[in-house]
Amino acid sequence: VTLSQMIPAFEGGRWLVVNPYTRDRFQNGDTPPEGLSDEPSLVVFDALGGDVGQTIGFIEGREASTPFPKPTPVDAINAALVDTVYHAPKK
């Protein structure tokens, strides 16, 4: 994709293609898949510096434009960089 006009709100960020780590996989104790999974991917705007293979927390939908001072055409943003996840699945 080539953008001919830059939207000022997106300066300093980049776009990530991410695989959602679903609640079912999390509850089952599965590890996040490496690379692209069979599930649909999502394009997320990232201004926090998420990297390849890193777990992030993202917001999608109308709430994704909330951090921007003016209305911004974005459907999903990176809201958190996750260092470690501790979870004890329900038995």
Protein backbone atom coordinates (compact mmCIF):
# COMPACT_ATOMS: atom_id res chain seq x y z
CA VAL A 1 0.00 0.00 0.00
CA THR A 2 1.31 3.43 -0.89
CA LEU A 3 -0.03 6.52 0.84
CA SER A 4 0.22 9.68 -1.20
CA GLN A 5 -0.78 11.92 1.70
CA MET A 6 0.45 11.55 5.26
CA ILE A 7 -2.00 11.90 8.14
CA PRO A 8 -0.14 13.93 10.82
CA ALA A 9 -1.53 11.79 13.66
CA PHE A 10 0.33 8.76 12.27
CA GLU A 11 3.80 10.36 12.25
CA GLY A 12 6.32 8.40 14.30
CA GLY A 13 4.33 5.17 14.24
CA ARG A 14 4.11 2.12 12.03
CA TRP A 15 1.62 -0.54 11.06
CA LEU A 16 1.85 -4.09 12.43
CA VAL A 17 0.17 -7.25 11.14
CA VAL A 18 -0.79 -9.19 14.27
CA ASN A 19 -2.42 -12.50 15.18
CA PRO A 20 -5.03 -12.23 17.92
CA TYR A 21 -4.28 -14.58 20.83
CA THR A 22 -7.83 -15.68 21.57
CA ARG A 23 -9.37 -16.21 24.99
CA ASP A 24 -9.83 -19.92 24.28
CA ARG A 25 -6.14 -20.40 23.48
CA PHE A 26 -5.17 -18.39 26.56
CA GLN A 27 -7.45 -20.44 28.85
CA ASN A 28 -6.06 -23.70 27.43
CA GLY A 29 -2.50 -22.61 28.21
CA ASP A 30 -1.44 -22.58 24.55
CA THR A 31 1.60 -20.54 23.64
CA PRO A 32 1.15 -17.72 21.13
CA PRO A 33 1.77 -18.94 17.56
CA GLU A 34 4.93 -17.86 15.79
CA GLY A 35 4.43 -16.19 12.43
CA LEU A 36 1.00 -15.92 10.87
CA SER A 37 -1.64 -18.31 12.17
CA ASP A 38 -4.63 -19.84 10.40
CA GLU A 39 -6.87 -17.28 12.11
CA PRO A 40 -7.53 -13.88 10.49
CA SER A 41 -4.79 -11.30 11.05
CA LEU A 42 -5.32 -7.69 12.08
CA VAL A 43 -3.51 -4.48 11.07
CA VAL A 44 -2.69 -2.37 14.14
CA PHE A 45 -1.20 1.14 14.35
CA ASP A 46 1.79 1.07 16.71
CA ALA A 47 3.43 4.13 18.26
CA LEU A 48 4.87 2.21 21.24
CA GLY A 49 7.56 0.21 19.43
CA GLY A 50 6.15 -3.33 19.32
CA ASP A 51 8.53 -5.80 17.68
CA VAL A 52 8.33 -9.06 15.75
CA GLY A 53 7.26 -11.91 18.04
CA GLN A 54 6.32 -9.61 20.91
CA THR A 55 2.98 -9.89 22.68
CA ILE A 56 0.98 -6.66 22.61
CA GLY A 57 -2.38 -5.51 23.91
CA PHE A 58 -4.49 -3.80 21.30
CA ILE A 59 -7.74 -1.86 21.20
CA GLU A 60 -10.03 -2.05 18.20
CA GLY A 61 -13.16 -0.28 17.04
CA ARG A 62 -14.26 3.22 17.93
CA GLU A 63 -12.13 3.27 21.09
CA ALA A 64 -8.96 2.98 18.97
CA SER A 65 -9.21 6.64 17.94
CA THR A 66 -9.59 7.89 21.54
CA PRO A 67 -5.85 8.59 22.18
CA PHE A 68 -5.66 10.99 19.24
CA PRO A 69 -6.45 14.69 19.80
CA LYS A 70 -8.50 14.94 16.58
CA PRO A 71 -10.76 12.40 14.84
CA THR A 72 -8.41 9.88 13.22
CA PRO A 73 -9.25 7.07 10.76
CA VAL A 74 -7.92 4.07 12.68
CA ASP A 75 -9.57 0.76 13.58
CA ALA A 76 -6.96 -0.77 15.92
CA ILE A 77 -4.02 0.52 17.97
CA ASN A 78 -1.30 -1.01 20.12
CA ALA A 79 -2.14 -0.02 23.69
CA ALA A 80 0.40 -2.11 25.65
CA LEU A 81 3.68 -3.99 25.31
CA VAL A 82 3.40 -7.21 27.33
CA ASP A 83 6.60 -8.44 28.99
CA THR A 84 5.32 -11.55 30.77
CA VAL A 85 1.99 -13.32 31.21
CA TYR A 86 1.33 -15.32 34.38
CA HIS A 87 -1.82 -17.42 34.22
CA ALA A 88 -3.20 -20.40 36.13
CA PRO A 89 -5.94 -21.96 33.95
CA LYS A 90 -9.22 -22.88 35.63
CA LYS A 91 -9.58 -26.58 36.31
